[in-house]
Amino acid sequence: MDLKILSVLKLKDKDDKDTTYEVRLLCRNCKKDWIENVKKSTYVRCEKDNNYMIKAEEPSNKMLFECPKCGAHNKIARLPLT
């Protein structure tokens, strides 16, 4: 079995439910920061001006974060959790 295939398998909890983790984000347009819950079956990736999510099953499909204050999809930065 190839190790790359094992790394993209969906992570499940004991109850067969997706578990989530927290990601702290910042909108560079309006300076609003917030906490977003992301499923462990999705990964957060970054580009030059934006962060986005991809699913393990469909890595070509990008899902953008949306600012809750101004609704912007671009210029979303990821901050460390404090």
Protein backbone atom coordinates (compact mmCIF):
# COMPACT_ATOMS: atom_id res chain seq x y z
CA MET A 1 0.00 0.00 0.00
CA ASP A 2 1.24 3.46 -0.83
CA LEU A 3 1.85 5.82 2.11
CA LYS A 4 0.42 8.78 0.20
CA ILE A 5 -2.95 7.05 -0.04
CA LEU A 6 -2.98 6.47 3.72
CA SER A 7 -2.43 10.15 4.44
CA VAL A 8 -5.60 11.24 2.62
CA LEU A 9 -7.97 8.87 4.37
CA LYS A 10 -10.71 10.51 6.41
CA LEU A 11 -9.99 10.84 10.11
CA LYS A 12 -12.88 9.56 12.21
CA ASP A 13 -13.60 9.64 15.90
CA LYS A 14 -14.55 6.50 17.85
CA ASP A 15 -18.22 7.38 17.41
CA ASP A 16 -17.66 7.56 13.61
CA LYS A 17 -18.22 11.35 13.61
CA ASP A 18 -15.93 14.01 12.21
CA THR A 19 -14.02 15.88 14.88
CA THR A 20 -13.16 19.55 14.49
CA TYR A 21 -10.31 21.84 15.37
CA GLU A 22 -10.21 25.61 15.75
CA VAL A 23 -8.53 28.03 13.34
CA ARG A 24 -8.09 31.73 14.20
CA LEU A 25 -8.56 33.99 11.16
CA LEU A 26 -8.14 37.70 10.47
CA CYS A 27 -9.80 39.76 7.72
CA ARG A 28 -7.28 42.25 6.38
CA ASN A 29 -10.06 44.43 4.91
CA CYS A 30 -11.92 45.29 8.14
CA LYS A 31 -9.41 43.96 10.76
CA LYS A 32 -11.98 41.54 12.26
CA ASP A 33 -10.60 38.36 13.84
CA TRP A 34 -12.66 35.27 14.63
CA ILE A 35 -12.43 31.56 15.43
CA GLU A 36 -13.59 29.11 12.75
CA ASN A 37 -14.27 25.41 13.48
CA VAL A 38 -12.87 23.21 10.72
CA LYS A 39 -13.49 19.48 10.30
CA LYS A 40 -10.42 17.27 10.50
CA SER A 41 -11.25 15.83 7.07
CA THR A 42 -10.48 19.27 5.57
CA TYR A 43 -7.10 20.96 5.41
CA VAL A 44 -6.31 24.69 5.55
CA ARG A 45 -3.94 25.85 2.84
CA CYS A 46 -2.51 29.28 2.13
CA GLU A 47 -1.74 31.28 -0.99
CA LYS A 48 -0.02 34.65 -1.28
CA ASP A 49 -3.04 36.75 -0.22
CA ASN A 50 -5.58 34.22 1.02
CA ASN A 51 -6.22 31.08 3.09
CA TYR A 52 -8.66 28.42 1.95
CA MET A 53 -9.88 24.92 2.84
CA ILE A 54 -9.66 21.76 0.76
CA LYS A 55 -11.27 18.39 1.42
CA ALA A 56 -9.13 15.27 1.52
CA GLU A 57 -11.37 13.60 -1.09
CA GLU A 58 -11.40 16.58 -3.51
CA PRO A 59 -8.12 18.53 -3.26
CA SER A 60 -8.88 20.52 -6.43
CA ASN A 61 -12.05 22.11 -4.95
CA LYS A 62 -11.12 25.24 -2.94
CA MET A 63 -13.51 26.55 -0.27
CA LEU A 64 -12.84 30.13 0.75
CA PHE A 65 -13.39 31.54 4.23
CA GLU A 66 -15.90 34.41 4.56
CA CYS A 67 -15.52 37.34 6.94
CA PRO A 68 -18.56 37.51 9.28
CA LYS A 69 -18.37 41.33 9.42
CA CYS A 70 -17.80 42.54 5.84
CA GLY A 71 -18.36 39.31 3.86
CA ALA A 72 -15.01 39.44 2.07
CA HIS A 73 -13.49 36.22 0.73
CA ASN A 74 -10.05 37.56 -0.12
CA LYS A 75 -7.21 38.69 2.16
CA ILE A 76 -8.04 36.29 5.00
CA ALA A 77 -4.98 35.60 7.18
CA ARG A 78 -4.44 32.76 9.63
CA LEU A 79 -3.31 33.68 13.15
CA PRO A 80 -1.94 31.45 15.92
CA LEU A 81 -4.36 30.42 18.66
CA THR A 82 -3.68 32.18 21.95
